[in-house]
């Protein structure tokens, strides 16, 4: 069974940092690109960051470029999202995602990030 489990969300003040973790199981993790998405209240789910299967390539949404870093550990089957200089507009539920051609999209349950004083 393919499973993605996110953790690490919480309440943080503006300018603060958080690290999100996504633990993957049930598929050959090292073969697939991994994604982080987020969905703010009243908005559509949007891609935040993507990392290639080897970890050598990354892409970011313009809104987080330079502040967020995606990384992965193919031994631990884990993908991370390091978030720095957080802003109130980063408040959202953050989801881990993988797309596999034979299995379609798989999503985690999401983890809430709230940036507020």
PDB file of N, CA and C in Angstrom:
ATOM      1  N   UNK A   1       0.840  -1.188   0.000  1.00  0.00           N
ATOM      2  CA  UNK A   1       0.000   0.000   0.000  1.00  0.00           C
ATOM      3  C   UNK A   1       0.883   1.249   0.000  1.00  0.00           C
ATOM      4  N   UNK A   2       0.659   2.122  -0.985  1.00  0.00           N
ATOM      5  CA  UNK A   2       1.421   3.355  -1.079  1.00  0.00           C
ATOM      6  C   UNK A   2       0.931   4.317   0.000  1.00  0.00           C
ATOM      7  N   UNK A   3       1.870   4.886   0.739  1.00  0.00           N
ATOM      8  CA  UNK A   3       1.495   5.779   1.822  1.00  0.00           C
ATOM      9  C   UNK A   3       2.498   6.912   1.948  1.00  0.00           C
ATOM     10  N   UNK A   4       1.982   8.119   2.187  1.00  0.00           N
ATOM     11  CA  UNK A   4       2.787   9.301   2.473  1.00  0.00           C
ATOM     12  C   UNK A   4       2.278   9.895   3.773  1.00  0.00           C
ATOM     13  N   UNK A   5       3.191  10.136   4.715  1.00  0.00           N
ATOM     14  CA  UNK A   5       2.799  10.660   6.019  1.00  0.00           C
ATOM     15  C   UNK A   5       3.626  11.903   6.326  1.00  0.00           C
ATOM     16  N   UNK A   6       2.935  13.045   6.393  1.00  0.00           N
ATOM     17  CA  UNK A   6       3.607  14.315   6.674  1.00  0.00           C
ATOM     18  C   UNK A   6       3.639  14.593   8.175  1.00  0.00           C
ATOM     19  N   UNK A   7       4.646  15.361   8.579  1.00  0.00           N
ATOM     20  CA  UNK A   7       4.736  15.830   9.957  1.00  0.00           C
ATOM     21  C   UNK A   7       5.564  17.104   9.976  1.00  0.00           C
ATOM     22  N   UNK A   8       5.527  17.798  11.117  1.00  0.00           N
ATOM     23  CA  UNK A   8       6.378  18.962  11.287  1.00  0.00           C
ATOM     24  C   UNK A   8       5.686  20.303  11.217  1.00  0.00           C
ATOM     25  N   UNK A   9       4.404  20.305  10.903  1.00  0.00           N
ATOM     26  CA  UNK A   9       3.692  21.577  10.858  1.00  0.00           C
ATOM     27  C   UNK A   9       3.478  22.146  12.252  1.00  0.00           C
ATOM     28  N   UNK A  10       2.942  23.372  12.275  1.00  0.00           N
ATOM     29  CA  UNK A  10       2.664  23.999  13.557  1.00  0.00           C
ATOM     30  C   UNK A  10       2.472  25.483  13.416  1.00  0.00           C
ATOM     31  N   UNK A  11       2.479  26.146  14.557  1.00  0.00           N
ATOM     32  CA  UNK A  11       2.323  27.602  14.612  1.00  0.00           C
ATOM     33  C   UNK A  11       3.704  28.229  14.766  1.00  0.00           C
ATOM     34  N   UNK A  12       3.984  29.210  13.919  1.00  0.00           N
ATOM     35  CA  UNK A  12       5.282  29.879  13.959  1.00  0.00           C
ATOM     36  C   UNK A  12       5.066  31.366  13.708  1.00  0.00           C
ATOM     37  N   UNK A  13       5.919  32.182  14.303  1.00  0.00           N
ATOM     38  CA  UNK A  13       5.825  33.626  14.096  1.00  0.00           C
ATOM     39  C   UNK A  13       6.403  34.017  12.740  1.00  0.00           C
ATOM     40  N   UNK A  14       5.957  35.131  12.187  1.00  0.00           N
ATOM     41  CA  UNK A  14       6.569  35.608  10.939  1.00  0.00           C
ATOM     42  C   UNK A  14       8.073  35.742  11.075  1.00  0.00           C
ATOM     43  N   UNK A  15       8.781  35.308  10.026  1.00  0.00           N
ATOM     44  CA  UNK A  15      10.235  35.297  10.060  1.00  0.00           C
ATOM     45  C   UNK A  15      10.824  34.017  10.593  1.00  0.00           C
ATOM     46  N   UNK A  16      10.004  33.150  11.135  1.00  0.00           N
ATOM     47  CA  UNK A  16      10.476  31.898  11.707  1.00  0.00           C
ATOM     48  C   UNK A  16      10.696  30.811  10.670  1.00  0.00           C
ATOM     49  N   UNK A  17      11.051  29.635  11.171  1.00  0.00           N
ATOM     50  CA  UNK A  17      11.380  28.503  10.313  1.00  0.00           C
ATOM     51  C   UNK A  17      10.663  27.243  10.789  1.00  0.00           C
ATOM     52  N   UNK A  18      10.413  26.357   9.833  1.00  0.00           N
ATOM     53  CA  UNK A  18       9.883  25.029  10.124  1.00  0.00           C
ATOM     54  C   UNK A  18      10.492  24.053   9.140  1.00  0.00           C
ATOM     55  N   UNK A  19      10.561  22.791   9.539  1.00  0.00           N
ATOM     56  CA  UNK A  19      10.931  21.732   8.605  1.00  0.00           C
ATOM     57  C   UNK A  19       9.818  20.698   8.566  1.00  0.00           C
ATOM     58  N   UNK A  20       9.269  20.507   7.379  1.00  0.00           N
ATOM     59  CA  UNK A  20       8.264  19.472   7.168  1.00  0.00           C
ATOM     60  C   UNK A  20       8.952  18.192   6.702  1.00  0.00           C
ATOM     61  N   UNK A  21       8.386  17.073   7.130  1.00  0.00           N
ATOM     62  CA  UNK A  21       8.907  15.761   6.764  1.00  0.00           C
ATOM     63  C   UNK A  21       7.789  14.924   6.162  1.00  0.00           C
ATOM     64  N   UNK A  22       8.126  14.178   5.126  1.00  0.00           N
ATOM     65  CA  UNK A  22       7.177  13.252   4.508  1.00  0.00           C
ATOM     66  C   UNK A  22       7.838  11.884   4.442  1.00  0.00           C
ATOM     67  N   UNK A  23       7.284  10.923   5.160  1.00  0.00           N
ATOM     68  CA  UNK A  23       7.776   9.556   5.146  1.00  0.00           C
ATOM     69  C   UNK A  23       6.976   8.739   4.142  1.00  0.00           C
ATOM     70  N   UNK A  24       7.683   8.106   3.202  1.00  0.00           N
ATOM     71  CA  UNK A  24       7.031   7.364   2.127  1.00  0.00           C
ATOM     72  C   UNK A  24       7.205   5.866   2.316  1.00  0.00           C
ATOM     73  N   UNK A  25       6.210   5.099   1.882  1.00  0.00           N
ATOM     74  CA  UNK A  25       6.296   3.651   1.942  1.00  0.00           C
ATOM     75  C   UNK A  25       5.386   3.045   0.874  1.00  0.00           C
ATOM     76  N   UNK A  26       5.677   1.793   0.534  1.00  0.00           N
ATOM     77  CA  UNK A  26       4.817   1.061  -0.387  1.00  0.00           C
ATOM     78  C   UNK A  26       5.178   1.188  -1.849  1.00  0.00           C
ATOM     79  N   UNK A  27       6.257   1.906  -2.161  1.00  0.00           N
ATOM     80  CA  UNK A  27       6.716   2.016  -3.537  1.00  0.00           C
ATOM     81  C   UNK A  27       8.227   2.259  -3.523  1.00  0.00           C
ATOM     82  N   UNK A  28       8.832   2.164  -4.714  1.00  0.00           N
ATOM     83  CA  UNK A  28      10.282   2.324  -4.819  1.00  0.00           C
ATOM     84  C   UNK A  28      10.596   3.811  -4.849  1.00  0.00           C
ATOM     85  N   UNK A  29      10.789   4.354  -3.678  1.00  0.00           N
ATOM     86  CA  UNK A  29      10.894   5.802  -3.475  1.00  0.00           C
ATOM     87  C   UNK A  29      11.952   6.436  -4.367  1.00  0.00           C
ATOM     88  N   UNK A  30      13.099   5.808  -4.493  1.00  0.00           N
ATOM     89  CA  UNK A  30      14.232   6.430  -5.182  1.00  0.00           C
ATOM     90  C   UNK A  30      13.979   6.604  -6.685  1.00  0.00           C
ATOM     91  N   UNK A  31      12.922   6.010  -7.200  1.00  0.00           N
ATOM     92  CA  UNK A  31      12.643   6.070  -8.626  1.00  0.00           C
ATOM     93  C   UNK A  31      11.777   7.263  -9.021  1.00  0.00           C
ATOM     94  N   UNK A  32      11.203   7.977  -8.039  1.00  0.00           N
ATOM     95  CA  UNK A  32      10.180   8.969  -8.364  1.00  0.00           C
ATOM     96  C   UNK A  32      10.519  10.365  -7.860  1.00  0.00           C
ATOM     97  N   UNK A  33      10.175  11.349  -8.703  1.00  0.00           N
ATOM     98  CA  UNK A  33      10.180  12.725  -8.237  1.00  0.00           C
ATOM     99  C   UNK A  33       9.131  12.875  -7.141  1.00  0.00           C
ATOM    100  N   UNK A  34       9.385  13.801  -6.239  1.00  0.00           N
ATOM    101  CA  UNK A  34       8.465  14.054  -5.132  1.00  0.00           C
ATOM    102  C   UNK A  34       8.103  15.533  -5.103  1.00  0.00           C
ATOM    103  N   UNK A  35       6.909  15.815  -4.615  1.00  0.00           N
ATOM    104  CA  UNK A  35       6.384  17.172  -4.633  1.00  0.00           C
ATOM    105  C   UNK A  35       5.823  17.565  -3.267  1.00  0.00           C
ATOM    106  N   UNK A  36       5.901  18.864  -2.995  1.00  0.00           N
ATOM    107  CA  UNK A  36       5.149  19.466  -1.895  1.00  0.00           C
ATOM    108  C   UNK A  36       4.148  20.451  -2.508  1.00  0.00           C
ATOM    109  N   UNK A  37       2.902  20.335  -2.085  1.00  0.00           N
ATOM    110  CA  UNK A  37       1.846  21.265  -2.458  1.00  0.00           C
ATOM    111  C   UNK A  37       1.337  21.941  -1.186  1.00  0.00           C
ATOM    112  N   UNK A  38       0.590  23.013  -1.370  1.00  0.00           N
ATOM    113  CA  UNK A  38      -0.099  23.630  -0.246  1.00  0.00           C
ATOM    114  C   UNK A  38      -1.459  24.150  -0.687  1.00  0.00           C
ATOM    115  N   UNK A  39      -2.365  24.220   0.283  1.00  0.00           N
ATOM    116  CA  UNK A  39      -3.697  24.743   0.022  1.00  0.00           C
ATOM    117  C   UNK A  39      -4.093  25.653   1.162  1.00  0.00           C
ATOM    118  N   UNK A  40      -4.268  26.922   0.826  1.00  0.00           N
ATOM    119  CA  UNK A  40      -4.718  27.919   1.788  1.00  0.00           C
ATOM    120  C   UNK A  40      -6.243  27.977   1.778  1.00  0.00           C
ATOM    121  N   UNK A  41      -6.856  28.464   2.855  1.00  0.00           N
ATOM    122  CA  UNK A  41      -8.326  28.539   2.899  1.00  0.00           C
ATOM    123  C   UNK A  41      -8.880  29.323   1.719  1.00  0.00           C
ATOM    124  N   UNK A  42      -9.840  28.733   1.029  1.00  0.00           N
ATOM    125  CA  UNK A  42     -10.481  29.403  -0.088  1.00  0.00           C
ATOM    126  C   UNK A  42      -9.693  29.414  -1.373  1.00  0.00           C
ATOM    127  N   UNK A  43      -8.563  28.744  -1.380  1.00  0.00           N
ATOM    128  CA  UNK A  43      -7.715  28.723  -2.582  1.00  0.00           C
ATOM    129  C   UNK A  43      -7.505  27.293  -3.061  1.00  0.00           C
ATOM    130  N   UNK A  44      -7.086  27.171  -4.310  1.00  0.00           N
ATOM    131  CA  UNK A  44      -6.800  25.855  -4.872  1.00  0.00           C
ATOM    132  C   UNK A  44      -5.446  25.346  -4.379  1.00  0.00           C
ATOM    133  N   UNK A  45      -5.311  24.042  -4.386  1.00  0.00           N
ATOM    134  CA  UNK A  45      -4.038  23.437  -4.046  1.00  0.00           C
ATOM    135  C   UNK A  45      -3.008  23.812  -5.109  1.00  0.00           C
ATOM    136  N   UNK A  46      -1.806  24.190  -4.681  1.00  0.00           N
ATOM    137  CA  UNK A  46      -0.792  24.676  -5.610  1.00  0.00           C
ATOM    138  C   UNK A  46       0.556  24.037  -5.297  1.00  0.00           C
ATOM    139  N   UNK A  47       1.329  23.812  -6.353  1.00  0.00           N
ATOM    140  CA  UNK A  47       2.657  23.234  -6.202  1.00  0.00           C
ATOM    141  C   UNK A  47       3.594  24.233  -5.536  1.00  0.00           C
ATOM    142  N   UNK A  48       4.338  23.765  -4.543  1.00  0.00           N
ATOM    143  CA  UNK A  48       5.303  24.595  -3.835  1.00  0.00           C
ATOM    144  C   UNK A  48       6.722  24.265  -4.285  1.00  0.00           C
ATOM    145  N   UNK A  49       7.038  22.963  -4.331  1.00  0.00           N
ATOM    146  CA  UNK A  49       8.401  22.556  -4.677  1.00  0.00           C
ATOM    147  C   UNK A  49       8.383  21.135  -5.203  1.00  0.00           C
ATOM    148  N   UNK A  50       9.371  20.849  -6.050  1.00  0.00           N
ATOM    149  CA  UNK A  50       9.520  19.512  -6.633  1.00  0.00           C
ATOM    150  C   UNK A  50      10.985  19.132  -6.609  1.00  0.00           C
ATOM    151  N   UNK A  51      11.252  17.854  -6.394  1.00  0.00           N
ATOM    152  CA  UNK A  51      12.620  17.350  -6.423  1.00  0.00           C
ATOM    153  C   UNK A  51      12.663  16.086  -7.274  1.00  0.00           C
ATOM    154  N   UNK A  52      13.711  15.976  -8.096  1.00  0.00           N
ATOM    155  CA  UNK A  52      13.839  14.812  -8.958  1.00  0.00           C
ATOM    156  C   UNK A  52      14.156  13.557  -8.144  1.00  0.00           C
ATOM    157  N   UNK A  53      14.110  12.424  -8.807  1.00  0.00           N
ATOM    158  CA  UNK A  53      14.306  11.153  -8.113  1.00  0.00           C
ATOM    159  C   UNK A  53      15.680  11.055  -7.460  1.00  0.00           C
ATOM    160  N   UNK A  54      16.685  11.642  -8.126  1.00  0.00           N
ATOM    161  CA  UNK A  54      18.043  11.571  -7.577  1.00  0.00           C
ATOM    162  C   UNK A  54      18.320  12.678  -6.564  1.00  0.00           C
ATOM    163  N   UNK A  55      17.471  13.692  -6.575  1.00  0.00           N
ATOM    164  CA  UNK A  55      17.686  14.837  -5.700  1.00  0.00           C
ATOM    165  C   UNK A  55      18.547  15.917  -6.303  1.00  0.00           C
ATOM    166  N   UNK A  56      18.996  15.701  -7.544  1.00  0.00           N
ATOM    167  CA  UNK A  56      19.914  16.673  -8.152  1.00  0.00           C
ATOM    168  C   UNK A  56      19.187  17.874  -8.737  1.00  0.00           C
ATOM    169  N   UNK A  57      17.876  17.734  -8.993  1.00  0.00           N
ATOM    170  CA  UNK A  57      17.131  18.831  -9.588  1.00  0.00           C
ATOM    171  C   UNK A  57      15.966  19.246  -8.710  1.00  0.00           C
ATOM    172  N   UNK A  58      15.795  20.553  -8.555  1.00  0.00           N
ATOM    173  CA  UNK A  58      14.690  21.082  -7.765  1.00  0.00           C
ATOM    174  C   UNK A  58      14.054  22.255  -8.487  1.00  0.00           C
ATOM    175  N   UNK A  59      12.758  22.436  -8.283  1.00  0.00           N
ATOM    176  CA  UNK A  59      12.048  23.605  -8.782  1.00  0.00           C
ATOM    177  C   UNK A  59      11.139  24.124  -7.683  1.00  0.00           C
ATOM    178  N   UNK A  60      10.872  25.439  -7.742  1.00  0.00           N
ATOM    179  CA  UNK A  60      10.098  26.094  -6.693  1.00  0.00           C
ATOM    180  C   UNK A  60       9.085  27.057  -7.300  1.00  0.00           C
ATOM    181  N   UNK A  61       7.984  27.219  -6.582  1.00  0.00           N
ATOM    182  CA  UNK A  61       7.059  28.283  -6.929  1.00  0.00           C
ATOM    183  C   UNK A  61       7.733  29.627  -6.683  1.00  0.00           C
ATOM    184  N   UNK A  62       7.370  30.611  -7.483  1.00  0.00           N
ATOM    185  CA  UNK A  62       7.975  31.938  -7.338  1.00  0.00           C
ATOM    186  C   UNK A  62       7.807  32.482  -5.918  1.00  0.00           C
ATOM    187  N   UNK A  63       6.671  32.185  -5.303  1.00  0.00           N
ATOM    188  CA  UNK A  63       6.360  32.762  -3.997  1.00  0.00           C
ATOM    189  C   UNK A  63       7.288  32.270  -2.889  1.00  0.00           C
ATOM    190  N   UNK A  64       7.970  31.132  -3.112  1.00  0.00           N
ATOM    191  CA  UNK A  64       8.813  30.560  -2.050  1.00  0.00           C
ATOM    192  C   UNK A  64      10.277  30.485  -2.457  1.00  0.00           C
ATOM    193  N   UNK A  65      10.582  30.824  -3.701  1.00  0.00           N
ATOM    194  CA  UNK A  65      11.967  30.753  -4.189  1.00  0.00           C
ATOM    195  C   UNK A  65      12.885  31.555  -3.279  1.00  0.00           C
ATOM    196  N   UNK A  66      13.991  30.928  -2.863  1.00  0.00           N
ATOM    197  CA  UNK A  66      14.951  31.598  -2.005  1.00  0.00           C
ATOM    198  C   UNK A  66      14.661  31.474  -0.519  1.00  0.00           C
ATOM    199  N   UNK A  67      13.464  31.020  -0.164  1.00  0.00           N
ATOM    200  CA  UNK A  67      13.106  30.876   1.260  1.00  0.00           C
ATOM    201  C   UNK A  67      12.913  29.406   1.651  1.00  0.00           C
ATOM    202  N   UNK A  68      12.428  28.602   0.715  1.00  0.00           N
ATOM    203  CA  UNK A  68      12.160  27.187   0.983  1.00  0.00           C
ATOM    204  C   UNK A  68      13.191  26.330   0.248  1.00  0.00           C
ATOM    205  N   UNK A  69      13.507  25.185   0.849  1.00  0.00           N
ATOM    206  CA  UNK A  69      14.406  24.225   0.226  1.00  0.00           C
ATOM    207  C   UNK A  69      13.818  22.826   0.367  1.00  0.00           C
ATOM    208  N   UNK A  70      13.698  22.131  -0.766  1.00  0.00           N
ATOM    209  CA  UNK A  70      13.246  20.744  -0.749  1.00  0.00           C
ATOM    210  C   UNK A  70      14.470  19.842  -0.828  1.00  0.00           C
ATOM    211  N   UNK A  71      14.431  18.743  -0.080  1.00  0.00           N
ATOM    212  CA  UNK A  71      15.526  17.780  -0.112  1.00  0.00           C
ATOM    213  C   UNK A  71      14.956  16.384   0.134  1.00  0.00           C
ATOM    214  N   UNK A  72      15.768  15.376  -0.094  1.00  0.00           N
ATOM    215  CA  UNK A  72      15.294  14.004   0.103  1.00  0.00           C
ATOM    216  C   UNK A  72      16.423  13.119   0.572  1.00  0.00           C
ATOM    217  N   UNK A  73      16.033  12.011   1.222  1.00  0.00           N
ATOM    218  CA  UNK A  73      16.972  10.988   1.655  1.00  0.00           C
ATOM    219  C   UNK A  73      16.443   9.666   1.102  1.00  0.00           C
ATOM    220  N   UNK A  74      17.115   9.152   0.073  1.00  0.00           N
ATOM    221  CA  UNK A  74      16.642   7.936  -0.584  1.00  0.00           C
ATOM    222  C   UNK A  74      16.967   6.672   0.195  1.00  0.00           C
ATOM    223  N   UNK A  75      17.690   6.793   1.286  1.00  0.00           N
ATOM    224  CA  UNK A  75      17.905   5.655   2.186  1.00  0.00           C
ATOM    225  C   UNK A  75      16.755   5.587   3.193  1.00  0.00           C
ATOM    226  N   UNK A  76      16.356   6.747   3.687  1.00  0.00           N
ATOM    227  CA  UNK A  76      15.269   6.808   4.668  1.00  0.00           C
ATOM    228  C   UNK A  76      13.891   6.910   4.035  1.00  0.00           C
ATOM    229  N   UNK A  77      13.825   6.991   2.705  1.00  0.00           N
ATOM    230  CA  UNK A  77      12.541   7.149   2.003  1.00  0.00           C
ATOM    231  C   UNK A  77      11.763   8.352   2.532  1.00  0.00           C
ATOM    232  N   UNK A  78      12.449   9.471   2.610  1.00  0.00           N
ATOM    233  CA  UNK A  78      11.881  10.668   3.212  1.00  0.00           C
ATOM    234  C   UNK A  78      12.191  11.886   2.356  1.00  0.00           C
ATOM    235  N   UNK A  79      11.217  12.775   2.270  1.00  0.00           N
ATOM    236  CA  UNK A  79      11.416  14.060   1.600  1.00  0.00           C
ATOM    237  C   UNK A  79      11.108  15.159   2.613  1.00  0.00           C
ATOM    238  N   UNK A  80      11.870  16.241   2.524  1.00  0.00           N
ATOM    239  CA  UNK A  80      11.778  17.336   3.482  1.00  0.00           C
ATOM    240  C   UNK A  80      11.437  18.642   2.771  1.00  0.00           C
ATOM    241  N   UNK A  81      10.843  19.550   3.524  1.00  0.00           N
ATOM    242  CA  UNK A  81      10.668  20.919   3.052  1.00  0.00           C
ATOM    243  C   UNK A  81      11.130  21.836   4.183  1.00  0.00           C
ATOM    244  N   UNK A  82      12.260  22.487   3.942  1.00  0.00           N
ATOM    245  CA  UNK A  82      12.806  23.428   4.908  1.00  0.00           C
ATOM    246  C   UNK A  82      12.255  24.808   4.558  1.00  0.00           C
ATOM    247  N   UNK A  83      11.577  25.425   5.498  1.00  0.00           N
ATOM    248  CA  UNK A  83      10.914  26.695   5.246  1.00  0.00           C
ATOM    249  C   UNK A  83      11.498  27.761   6.156  1.00  0.00           C
ATOM    250  N   UNK A  84      12.080  28.786   5.552  1.00  0.00           N
ATOM    251  CA  UNK A  84      12.677  29.898   6.292  1.00  0.00           C
ATOM    252  C   UNK A  84      11.947  31.188   5.960  1.00  0.00           C
ATOM    253  N   UNK A  85      12.170  32.195   6.791  1.00  0.00           N
ATOM    254  CA  UNK A  85      11.576  33.526   6.570  1.00  0.00           C
ATOM    255  C   UNK A  85      10.081  33.417   6.295  1.00  0.00           C
ATOM    256  N   UNK A  86       9.399  32.657   7.112  1.00  0.00           N
ATOM    257  CA  UNK A  86       7.976  32.405   6.883  1.00  0.00           C
ATOM    258  C   UNK A  86       7.157  33.679   7.014  1.00  0.00           C
ATOM    259  N   UNK A  87       6.117  33.740   6.184  1.00  0.00           N
ATOM    260  CA  UNK A  87       5.223  34.897   6.113  1.00  0.00           C
ATOM    261  C   UNK A  87       3.796  34.447   6.403  1.00  0.00           C
ATOM    262  N   UNK A  88       2.945  35.359   6.817  1.00  0.00           N
ATOM    263  CA  UNK A  88       1.539  34.981   7.044  1.00  0.00           C
ATOM    264  C   UNK A  88       0.892  34.336   5.818  1.00  0.00           C
ATOM    265  N   UNK A  89       1.279  34.765   4.634  1.00  0.00           N
ATOM    266  CA  UNK A  89       0.700  34.183   3.413  1.00  0.00           C
ATOM    267  C   UNK A  89       1.176  32.762   3.129  1.00  0.00           C
ATOM    268  N   UNK A  90       2.127  32.252   3.905  1.00  0.00           N
ATOM    269  CA  UNK A  90       2.530  30.848   3.790  1.00  0.00           C
ATOM    270  C   UNK A  90       1.593  29.926   4.583  1.00  0.00           C
ATOM    271  N   UNK A  91       0.680  30.503   5.325  1.00  0.00           N
ATOM    272  CA  UNK A  91      -0.276  29.708   6.088  1.00  0.00           C
ATOM    273  C   UNK A  91      -1.118  28.848   5.153  1.00  0.00           C
ATOM    274  N   UNK A  92      -1.113  27.551   5.396  1.00  0.00           N
ATOM    275  CA  UNK A  92      -1.809  26.605   4.521  1.00  0.00           C
ATOM    276  C   UNK A  92      -1.666  25.200   5.095  1.00  0.00           C
ATOM    277  N   UNK A  93      -2.418  24.284   4.517  1.00  0.00           N
ATOM    278  CA  UNK A  93      -2.158  22.861   4.741  1.00  0.00           C
ATOM    279  C   UNK A  93      -1.169  22.413   3.674  1.00  0.00           C
ATOM    280  N   UNK A  94      -0.096  21.779   4.097  1.00  0.00           N
ATOM    281  CA  UNK A  94       0.952  21.337   3.193  1.00  0.00           C
ATOM    282  C   UNK A  94       0.837  19.828   2.971  1.00  0.00           C
ATOM    283  N   UNK A  95       0.894  19.438   1.689  1.00  0.00           N
ATOM    284  CA  UNK A  95       0.710  18.048   1.304  1.00  0.00           C
ATOM    285  C   UNK A  95       1.932  17.522   0.562  1.00  0.00           C
ATOM    286  N   UNK A  96       2.300  16.322   0.879  1.00  0.00           N
ATOM    287  CA  UNK A  96       3.309  15.585   0.139  1.00  0.00           C
ATOM    288  C   UNK A  96       2.606  14.825  -0.993  1.00  0.00           C
ATOM    289  N   UNK A  97       3.283  14.713  -2.128  1.00  0.00           N
ATOM    290  CA  UNK A  97       2.651  14.084  -3.306  1.00  0.00           C
ATOM    291  C   UNK A  97       3.674  13.325  -4.134  1.00  0.00           C
ATOM    292  N   UNK A  98       3.199  12.223  -4.699  1.00  0.00           N
ATOM    293  CA  UNK A  98       3.983  11.513  -5.708  1.00  0.00           C
ATOM    294  C   UNK A  98       3.042  11.120  -6.837  1.00  0.00           C
ATOM    295  N   UNK A  99       3.543  11.263  -8.051  1.00  0.00           N
ATOM    296  CA  UNK A  99       2.801  10.769  -9.219  1.00  0.00           C
ATOM    297  C   UNK A  99       3.580   9.610  -9.818  1.00  0.00           C
ATOM    298  N   UNK A 100       2.885   8.479  -9.942  1.00  0.00           N
ATOM    299  CA  UNK A 100       3.475   7.307 -10.574  1.00  0.00           C
ATOM    300  C   UNK A 100       2.638   6.936 -11.777  1.00  0.00           C
ATOM    301  N   UNK A 101       3.276   6.690 -12.909  1.00  0.00           N
ATOM    302  CA  UNK A 101       2.523   6.458 -14.138  1.00  0.00           C
ATOM    303  C   UNK A 101       1.595   5.260 -14.016  1.00  0.00           C
ATOM    304  N   UNK A 102       1.971   4.289 -13.210  1.00  0.00           N
ATOM    305  CA  UNK A 102       1.114   3.125 -13.068  1.00  0.00           C
ATOM    306  C   UNK A 102       0.087   3.237 -11.960  1.00  0.00           C
ATOM    307  N   UNK A 103       0.260   4.240 -11.121  1.00  0.00           N
ATOM    308  CA  UNK A 103      -0.611   4.345  -9.957  1.00  0.00           C
ATOM    309  C   UNK A 103      -1.264   5.689  -9.741  1.00  0.00           C
ATOM    310  N   UNK A 104      -0.955   6.651 -10.613  1.00  0.00           N
ATOM    311  CA  UNK A 104      -1.564   7.965 -10.473  1.00  0.00           C
ATOM    312  C   UNK A 104      -0.992   8.747  -9.308  1.00  0.00           C
ATOM    313  N   UNK A 105      -1.783   9.716  -8.839  1.00  0.00           N
ATOM    314  CA  UNK A 105      -1.366  10.578  -7.745  1.00  0.00           C
ATOM    315  C   UNK A 105      -1.655   9.933  -6.400  1.00  0.00           C
ATOM    316  N   UNK A 106      -0.697  10.087  -5.481  1.00  0.00           N
ATOM    317  CA  UNK A 106      -0.894   9.718  -4.083  1.00  0.00           C
ATOM    318  C   UNK A 106      -0.598  10.945  -3.235  1.00  0.00           C
ATOM    319  N   UNK A 107      -1.483  11.204  -2.268  1.00  0.00           N
ATOM    320  CA  UNK A 107      -1.351  12.369  -1.389  1.00  0.00           C
ATOM    321  C   UNK A 107      -1.240  11.912   0.057  1.00  0.00           C
ATOM    322  N   UNK A 108      -0.505  12.689   0.832  1.00  0.00           N
ATOM    323  CA  UNK A 108      -0.531  12.495   2.261  1.00  0.00           C
ATOM    324  C   UNK A 108      -1.769  13.148   2.861  1.00  0.00           C
ATOM    325  N   UNK A 109      -1.868  13.054   4.183  1.00  0.00           N
ATOM    326  CA  UNK A 109      -3.050  13.594   4.869  1.00  0.00           C
ATOM    327  C   UNK A 109      -2.950  15.102   5.083  1.00  0.00           C
ATOM    328  N   UNK A 110      -1.755  15.650   4.908  1.00  0.00           N
ATOM    329  CA  UNK A 110      -1.538  17.081   5.078  1.00  0.00           C
ATOM    330  C   UNK A 110      -1.098  17.443   6.488  1.00  0.00           C
ATOM    331  N   UNK A 111      -0.364  18.545   6.574  1.00  0.00           N
ATOM    332  CA  UNK A 111       0.053  19.078   7.866  1.00  0.00           C
ATOM    333  C   UNK A 111      -0.158  20.594   7.856  1.00  0.00           C
ATOM    334  N   UNK A 112      -0.764  21.114   8.907  1.00  0.00           N
ATOM    335  CA  UNK A 112      -1.125  22.530   8.952  1.00  0.00           C
ATOM    336  C   UNK A 112       0.087  23.371   9.353  1.00  0.00           C
ATOM    337  N   UNK A 113       0.326  24.423   8.589  1.00  0.00           N
ATOM    338  CA  UNK A 113       1.330  25.433   8.921  1.00  0.00           C
ATOM    339  C   UNK A 113       0.612  26.759   9.090  1.00  0.00           C
ATOM    340  N   UNK A 114       0.782  27.362  10.240  1.00  0.00           N
ATOM    341  CA  UNK A 114       0.165  28.659  10.522  1.00  0.00           C
ATOM    342  C   UNK A 114       1.251  29.642  10.907  1.00  0.00           C
ATOM    343  N   UNK A 115       1.319  30.745  10.168  1.00  0.00           N
ATOM    344  CA  UNK A 115       2.303  31.787  10.422  1.00  0.00           C
ATOM    345  C   UNK A 115       1.560  33.008  10.958  1.00  0.00           C
ATOM    346  N   UNK A 116       1.769  33.299  12.220  1.00  0.00           N
ATOM    347  CA  UNK A 116       0.986  34.355  12.858  1.00  0.00           C
ATOM    348  C   UNK A 116       1.675  34.798  14.144  1.00  0.00           C
ATOM    349  N   UNK A 117       1.391  36.040  14.537  1.00  0.00           N
ATOM    350  CA  UNK A 117       1.862  36.540  15.821  1.00  0.00           C
ATOM    351  C   UNK A 117       0.872  36.146  16.910  1.00  0.00           C
TER     352      UNK A 117
END
